[in-house]
Amino acid sequence: MVQLEYAAQLIRLVEKDLSVRERLFREKQLIGDYHPETEKIHRENAETLRKIICDIGFPGISKVGSEAIEAAWLVAQHAIAEPAFMKSFFELMIDNMEDVNKKHWAYLLDRIQYFQRKPQLFGTQLNADDSIYPVVNLEELKALRLEYFLPMSCFSHKWSASFLSERYMIALAVVISGTAPAVMILKIINSCSISGFKNTVESKCL
């Protein structure tokens, strides 16, 4: 049974995160280093997610629904100031693979590899200069992306959604829809109509 109270709480965490990002983006404060206000929100959200996990265990689809587990994943994805928590959430995802979206697992694995300065597996992360962060095996990349439901339709284009990192998806989502729900981000990631993205969004937010 879906626990609506916890589901709503998780979704609110992401809405708050995106709201802050939207404002900072409008104020042109997301260029450069990790903004302290963004870090504060990310740490607070990570702490709230910890408490939810203590209360109900892993907040999988069966417990909080697909939108809320997406929100929980995004909180973990943004917890770059707390790498131990990011890894622990990833390990919980491994233990509950039947109760998560495999795509989220792939994004989080690449995120962890990126911040450990290790090659990524699925090609979801970019370098600071917008080039593709190194991958473990280019020959296997297409098959892996297909297996984990990652977009392939414009795979070869540098600015395709296949390779746009999640940090840019956040910026574009808030430009398009204000305080966009987390589900909007995945819809944008799955779209291949963002050829002018580099010129539209110059934010370097993490």
Protein backbone atom coordinates (compact mmCIF):
# COMPACT_ATOMS: atom_id res chain seq x y z
CA MET A 1 0.00 0.00 0.00
CA VAL A 2 1.32 3.43 -0.94
CA GLN A 3 2.09 5.57 2.11
CA LEU A 4 0.71 8.88 0.92
CA GLU A 5 2.14 11.03 3.69
CA TYR A 6 5.72 9.98 2.94
CA ALA A 7 5.11 10.14 -0.80
CA ALA A 8 3.92 13.74 -0.55
CA GLN A 9 6.88 14.63 1.68
CA LEU A 10 9.38 13.29 -0.85
CA ILE A 11 7.77 15.18 -3.70
CA ARG A 12 7.85 18.39 -1.67
CA LEU A 13 11.59 17.97 -1.17
CA VAL A 14 12.18 18.02 -4.90
CA GLU A 15 9.78 20.88 -5.47
CA LYS A 16 11.71 22.93 -2.93
CA ASP A 17 15.01 22.01 -4.57
CA LEU A 18 13.75 23.02 -8.01
CA SER A 19 12.21 26.21 -6.69
CA VAL A 20 15.55 27.33 -5.26
CA ARG A 21 17.32 26.37 -8.48
CA GLU A 22 14.81 28.32 -10.53
CA ARG A 23 15.38 31.47 -8.48
CA LEU A 24 19.17 31.13 -8.52
CA PHE A 25 19.08 30.48 -12.24
CA ARG A 26 17.05 33.64 -12.85
CA GLU A 27 19.56 35.55 -10.73
CA LYS A 28 22.44 34.07 -12.77
CA GLN A 29 23.99 32.56 -9.65
CA LEU A 30 24.32 28.98 -10.90
CA ILE A 31 27.43 29.58 -12.99
CA GLY A 32 30.61 28.25 -11.44
CA ASP A 33 31.02 26.51 -8.12
CA TYR A 34 28.45 24.62 -6.08
CA HIS A 35 26.20 27.36 -4.72
CA PRO A 36 26.02 27.35 -0.87
CA GLU A 37 22.25 27.75 -0.88
CA THR A 38 21.88 24.78 -3.20
CA GLU A 39 24.22 22.73 -1.01
CA LYS A 40 22.15 23.64 2.06
CA ILE A 41 18.95 22.40 0.40
CA HIS A 42 20.64 19.22 -0.73
CA ARG A 43 21.95 18.46 2.75
CA GLU A 44 18.56 19.14 4.33
CA ASN A 45 16.82 16.95 1.78
CA ALA A 46 19.31 14.14 2.33
CA GLU A 47 18.69 14.31 6.08
CA THR A 48 14.93 14.15 5.56
CA LEU A 49 15.31 11.17 3.24
CA ARG A 50 17.45 9.44 5.88
CA LYS A 51 14.64 9.87 8.41
CA ILE A 52 12.07 8.53 5.97
CA ILE A 53 14.21 5.46 5.36
CA CYS A 54 14.50 4.96 9.12
CA ASP A 55 10.70 5.16 9.40
CA ILE A 56 9.58 2.97 6.50
CA GLY A 57 12.68 1.40 5.04
CA PHE A 58 13.59 1.91 1.40
CA PRO A 59 10.94 4.15 -0.22
CA GLY A 60 10.35 1.98 -3.26
CA ILE A 61 7.47 2.07 -5.74
CA SER A 62 5.40 -0.30 -3.62
CA LYS A 63 5.63 2.00 -0.60
CA VAL A 64 5.49 5.53 -2.02
CA GLY A 65 4.58 5.21 -5.70
CA SER A 66 6.57 5.86 -8.86
CA GLU A 67 6.66 9.67 -8.64
CA ALA A 68 7.85 9.71 -5.03
CA ILE A 69 10.58 7.12 -5.54
CA GLU A 70 11.71 9.26 -8.47
CA ALA A 71 11.87 12.18 -6.05
CA ALA A 72 13.84 10.11 -3.54
CA TRP A 73 16.30 9.12 -6.25
CA LEU A 74 16.74 12.78 -7.24
CA VAL A 75 17.47 13.72 -3.62
CA ALA A 76 20.18 11.06 -3.57
CA GLN A 77 21.44 12.15 -6.99
CA HIS A 78 21.87 15.69 -5.65
CA ALA A 79 23.55 14.65 -2.39
CA ILE A 80 27.02 15.34 -3.77
CA ALA A 81 28.12 16.96 -0.51
CA GLU A 82 27.34 13.66 1.24
CA PRO A 83 28.91 10.91 -0.90
CA ALA A 84 28.50 8.28 1.81
CA PHE A 85 24.75 8.83 1.81
CA MET A 86 24.64 8.77 -1.98
CA LYS A 87 26.41 5.39 -1.95
CA SER A 88 24.21 3.99 0.81
CA PHE A 89 21.07 4.91 -1.14
CA PHE A 90 22.57 3.28 -4.22
CA GLU A 91 23.18 0.10 -2.22
CA LEU A 92 19.56 0.15 -1.05
CA MET A 93 18.51 0.42 -4.68
CA ILE A 94 20.55 -2.70 -5.46
CA ASP A 95 18.75 -4.55 -2.65
CA ASN A 96 15.38 -3.40 -4.03
CA MET A 97 15.87 -3.55 -7.79
CA GLU A 98 12.37 -4.95 -8.32
CA ASP A 99 10.95 -1.85 -6.63
CA VAL A 100 12.84 0.91 -8.51
CA ASN A 101 13.20 2.29 -12.01
CA LYS A 102 16.34 0.74 -13.52
CA LYS A 103 17.05 4.00 -15.31
CA HIS A 104 17.43 5.79 -11.96
CA TRP A 105 19.88 3.13 -10.79
CA ALA A 106 21.97 3.70 -13.93
CA TYR A 107 22.05 7.48 -13.49
CA LEU A 108 23.07 7.21 -9.84
CA LEU A 109 25.82 4.71 -10.58
CA ASP A 110 27.30 7.03 -13.20
CA ARG A 111 26.98 9.94 -10.78
CA ILE A 112 28.93 8.08 -8.11
CA GLN A 113 31.60 7.05 -10.61
CA TYR A 114 31.91 10.64 -11.83
CA PHE A 115 32.59 12.04 -8.37
CA GLN A 116 35.01 9.21 -7.62
CA ARG A 117 36.84 10.12 -10.85
CA LYS A 118 36.20 6.62 -12.22
CA PRO A 119 34.84 5.83 -15.72
CA GLN A 120 31.06 5.74 -15.95
CA LEU A 121 29.07 2.81 -17.31
CA PHE A 122 26.04 4.32 -19.05
CA GLY A 123 27.27 7.63 -20.48
CA THR A 124 24.91 9.92 -18.54
CA GLN A 125 27.45 12.41 -17.16
CA LEU A 126 29.35 15.26 -18.81
CA ASN A 127 32.62 16.96 -18.03
CA ALA A 128 32.71 20.64 -17.08
CA ASP A 129 33.55 21.50 -20.71
CA ASP A 130 30.42 19.61 -21.86
CA SER A 131 32.35 16.72 -23.37
CA ILE A 132 31.24 13.20 -22.49
CA TYR A 133 32.81 11.93 -19.27
CA PRO A 134 34.86 8.75 -19.96
CA VAL A 135 32.98 5.44 -20.09
CA VAL A 136 34.15 1.96 -19.19
CA ASN A 137 33.41 0.35 -22.55
CA LEU A 138 32.22 2.31 -25.57
CA GLU A 139 31.50 -0.87 -27.51
CA GLU A 140 29.01 -2.06 -24.90
CA LEU A 141 27.44 1.34 -24.25
CA LYS A 142 24.55 1.03 -26.69
CA ALA A 143 23.51 -2.39 -25.36
CA LEU A 144 23.72 -1.20 -21.77
CA ARG A 145 21.61 1.87 -22.45
CA LEU A 146 18.97 -0.27 -24.12
CA GLU A 147 18.96 -2.71 -21.20
CA TYR A 148 18.43 0.09 -18.69
CA PHE A 149 15.83 1.99 -20.73
CA LEU A 150 18.07 4.97 -21.42
CA PRO A 151 17.22 6.98 -24.56
CA MET A 152 18.85 5.96 -27.82
CA SER A 153 17.04 7.77 -30.65
CA CYS A 154 19.63 10.53 -31.03
CA PHE A 155 22.46 8.71 -29.31
CA SER A 156 25.22 9.95 -31.62
CA HIS A 157 24.52 13.69 -31.22
CA LYS A 158 26.68 15.47 -28.64
CA TRP A 159 23.76 17.57 -27.46
CA SER A 160 21.17 14.82 -27.56
CA ALA A 161 19.18 14.03 -24.45
CA SER A 162 21.04 10.72 -24.32
CA PHE A 163 24.15 12.53 -23.16
CA LEU A 164 22.83 15.61 -21.40
CA SER A 165 23.75 15.31 -17.77
CA GLU A 166 21.08 15.47 -15.11
CA ARG A 167 22.44 18.80 -13.84
CA TYR A 168 21.50 20.48 -17.14
CA MET A 169 18.12 18.77 -17.22
CA ILE A 170 17.26 20.46 -13.94
CA ALA A 171 18.16 23.88 -15.33
CA LEU A 172 16.12 23.40 -18.49
CA ALA A 173 13.17 21.98 -16.57
CA VAL A 174 12.88 25.02 -14.33
CA VAL A 175 13.19 27.37 -17.30
CA ILE A 176 10.35 25.60 -19.10
CA SER A 177 7.96 24.92 -16.26
CA GLY A 178 8.93 26.92 -13.20
CA THR A 179 9.01 24.58 -10.21
CA ALA A 180 8.84 21.50 -12.40
CA PRO A 181 8.03 18.18 -10.72
CA ALA A 182 10.73 15.53 -10.86
CA VAL A 183 8.76 13.55 -13.42
CA MET A 184 9.14 16.47 -15.87
CA ILE A 185 12.90 16.08 -15.78
CA LEU A 186 12.69 12.50 -16.98
CA LYS A 187 10.32 13.53 -19.76
CA ILE A 188 12.88 16.09 -20.92
CA ILE A 189 15.69 13.54 -20.69
CA ASN A 190 13.66 11.22 -22.92
CA SER A 191 13.15 13.96 -25.54
CA CYS A 192 15.52 14.56 -28.43
CA SER A 193 14.38 18.02 -29.41
CA ILE A 194 16.94 20.10 -27.52
CA SER A 195 19.50 20.77 -30.25
CA GLY A 196 19.86 24.39 -29.19
CA PHE A 197 20.26 23.52 -25.55
CA LYS A 198 23.85 24.70 -25.15
CA ASN A 199 22.99 28.19 -26.27
CA THR A 200 19.79 28.26 -24.20
CA VAL A 201 21.13 27.13 -20.84
CA GLU A 202 24.62 28.14 -19.80
CA SER A 203 24.23 27.29 -16.12
CA LYS A 204 26.90 25.05 -14.66
CA CYS A 205 24.86 24.00 -11.65
CA LEU A 206 25.50 20.56 -10.20
